[in-house]
Protein backbone atom coordinates (compact mmCIF):
# COMPACT_ATOMS: atom_id res chain seq x y z
CA UNK A 1 4.13 -9.36 24.34
CA UNK A 2 5.90 -7.62 21.74
CA UNK A 3 9.04 -8.82 20.37
CA UNK A 4 12.45 -6.05 18.20
CA UNK A 5 14.70 -6.53 16.78
CA UNK A 6 16.89 -4.35 14.84
CA UNK A 7 19.45 -3.75 12.08
CA UNK A 8 22.12 -1.45 11.85
CA UNK A 9 23.97 -0.07 8.48
CA UNK A 10 22.76 -3.06 6.15
CA UNK A 11 24.73 -1.86 3.14
CA UNK A 12 22.09 -1.86 1.11
CA UNK A 13 19.70 0.89 -0.03
CA UNK A 14 16.78 1.88 1.77
CA UNK A 15 14.69 2.07 -1.70
CA UNK A 16 15.65 -1.63 -1.70
CA UNK A 17 14.97 -2.70 1.42
CA UNK A 18 11.52 -1.85 1.28
CA UNK A 19 10.34 -3.92 -2.01
CA UNK A 20 11.57 -7.07 -0.06
CA UNK A 21 10.00 -4.93 3.71
CA UNK A 22 6.54 -4.14 2.12
CA UNK A 23 5.83 -8.20 1.25
CA UNK A 24 5.95 -8.75 4.54
CA UNK A 25 4.32 -6.61 6.61
CA UNK A 26 0.98 -7.38 8.61
CA UNK A 27 1.74 -11.35 7.92
CA UNK A 28 2.09 -13.92 10.17
CA UNK A 29 5.61 -15.17 10.81
CA UNK A 30 4.93 -18.55 9.59
CA UNK A 31 4.07 -17.21 5.62
CA UNK A 32 6.61 -13.95 6.06
CA UNK A 33 9.51 -16.49 6.49
CA UNK A 34 8.07 -18.62 3.50
CA UNK A 35 7.91 -15.16 1.39
CA UNK A 36 11.15 -14.44 2.43
CA UNK A 37 12.97 -17.81 1.33
CA UNK A 38 11.33 -17.32 -2.29
CA UNK A 39 12.04 -13.90 -2.85
CA UNK A 40 15.18 -13.12 -5.62
CA UNK A 41 16.24 -10.47 -3.64
CA UNK A 42 19.49 -10.10 -1.60
CA UNK A 43 18.13 -8.15 0.70
CA UNK A 44 14.73 -11.07 1.54
CA UNK A 45 18.17 -12.88 2.96
CA UNK A 46 19.33 -10.00 5.76
CA UNK A 47 15.39 -9.67 6.41
CA UNK A 48 15.10 -13.24 6.96
CA UNK A 49 17.79 -13.47 8.99
CA UNK A 50 16.31 -10.46 11.25
CA UNK A 51 12.63 -11.96 11.81
CA UNK A 52 14.27 -15.12 12.70
CA UNK A 53 15.93 -12.45 15.43
CA UNK A 54 13.04 -10.88 16.10
CA UNK A 55 11.47 -14.61 16.80
CA UNK A 56 13.76 -15.46 19.31
CA UNK A 57 13.42 -12.62 21.12
CA UNK A 58 9.99 -12.73 21.18
CA UNK A 59 10.81 -16.71 22.52
CA UNK A 60 12.84 -15.47 25.16
CA UNK A 61 10.57 -12.87 26.87
CA UNK A 62 7.66 -15.75 26.64
CA UNK A 63 9.63 -18.84 28.07
CA UNK A 64 7.44 -21.48 27.23
CA UNK A 65 5.51 -20.68 24.76
CA UNK A 66 5.88 -21.38 21.42
CA UNK A 67 4.94 -18.74 18.37
CA UNK A 68 3.11 -21.18 16.55
CA UNK A 69 0.40 -21.41 19.20
CA UNK A 70 0.09 -17.43 19.84
CA UNK A 71 -0.80 -16.33 16.53
CA UNK A 72 2.82 -14.40 16.15
CA UNK A 73 2.25 -11.39 12.88
CA UNK A 74 5.17 -8.71 12.09
CA UNK A 75 3.43 -5.65 13.77
CA UNK A 76 5.26 -3.23 11.77
CA UNK A 77 8.61 -2.88 10.09
CA UNK A 78 10.15 0.35 9.14
CA UNK A 79 13.20 0.90 6.68
CA UNK A 80 15.24 4.13 7.81
CA UNK A 81 18.23 5.73 5.88
CA UNK A 82 21.62 5.19 7.76
CA UNK A 83 24.92 6.44 6.77
CA UNK A 84 26.63 7.63 3.18
CA UNK A 85 30.17 6.80 2.01
CA UNK A 86 30.59 9.22 -0.99
CA UNK A 87 33.14 8.11 -3.22
CA UNK A 88 34.38 10.00 -6.54
CA UNK A 89 33.87 8.44 -9.97
CA UNK A 90 35.86 9.85 -12.43
CA UNK A 91 33.66 11.40 -15.50
CA UNK A 92 34.94 12.68 -19.01
CA UNK A 93 37.28 15.84 -19.61
CA UNK A 94 39.12 15.53 -15.86
CA UNK A 95 36.11 16.22 -13.90
CA UNK A 96 34.32 13.32 -11.07
CA UNK A 97 31.13 12.81 -10.33
CA UNK A 98 30.12 11.70 -6.70
CA UNK A 99 28.78 8.20 -5.57
CA UNK A 100 27.13 7.72 -2.66
CA UNK A 101 26.33 4.29 -1.35
CA UNK A 102 23.82 4.25 0.80
CA UNK A 103 23.02 2.23 3.54
CA UNK A 104 20.02 1.42 5.85
CA UNK A 105 18.45 0.72 9.58
CA UNK A 106 16.00 -2.17 9.51
CA UNK A 107 13.22 -2.64 13.11
CA UNK A 108 11.30 -5.58 13.15
CA UNK A 109 8.22 -5.38 15.44
CA UNK A 110 6.66 -9.49 15.97
CA UNK A 111 3.83 -9.43 18.41
CA UNK A 112 0.84 -12.17 19.16
CA UNK A 113 -2.72 -12.01 17.83
CA UNK A 114 -4.05 -14.31 20.61
CA UNK A 115 -4.79 -12.20 23.41
CA UNK A 116 -6.85 -14.38 25.53
CA UNK A 117 -3.04 -16.15 26.98
CA UNK A 118 -1.95 -12.83 27.79
CA UNK A 119 -4.84 -11.93 30.80
CA UNK A 120 -4.75 -15.23 32.10
């Protein structure tokens, strides 16, 4: 049984977020939380909070079961581009350069590797 958590309009560029997300894709949940806790990037804190939310969503769907017993792992993680805030920065000779402040949408899906408990 899989569970989903989404983070919309996170004010970090998708490229920076993908660097962090690529570290935890396919890992067990305990190891992914450990990696995110000790990754020295701002995006890691946001992804860690989102992963904890996905774990809680899984626990809500599967009452009475523990994530440690069912070998919960990060099945898929996607980072999509969100809206862009467009700003102007002063440039030489009276011109203006456009600044694009990017945001992203992150989706995490966690699932169990232990198939026998689901069929019982």
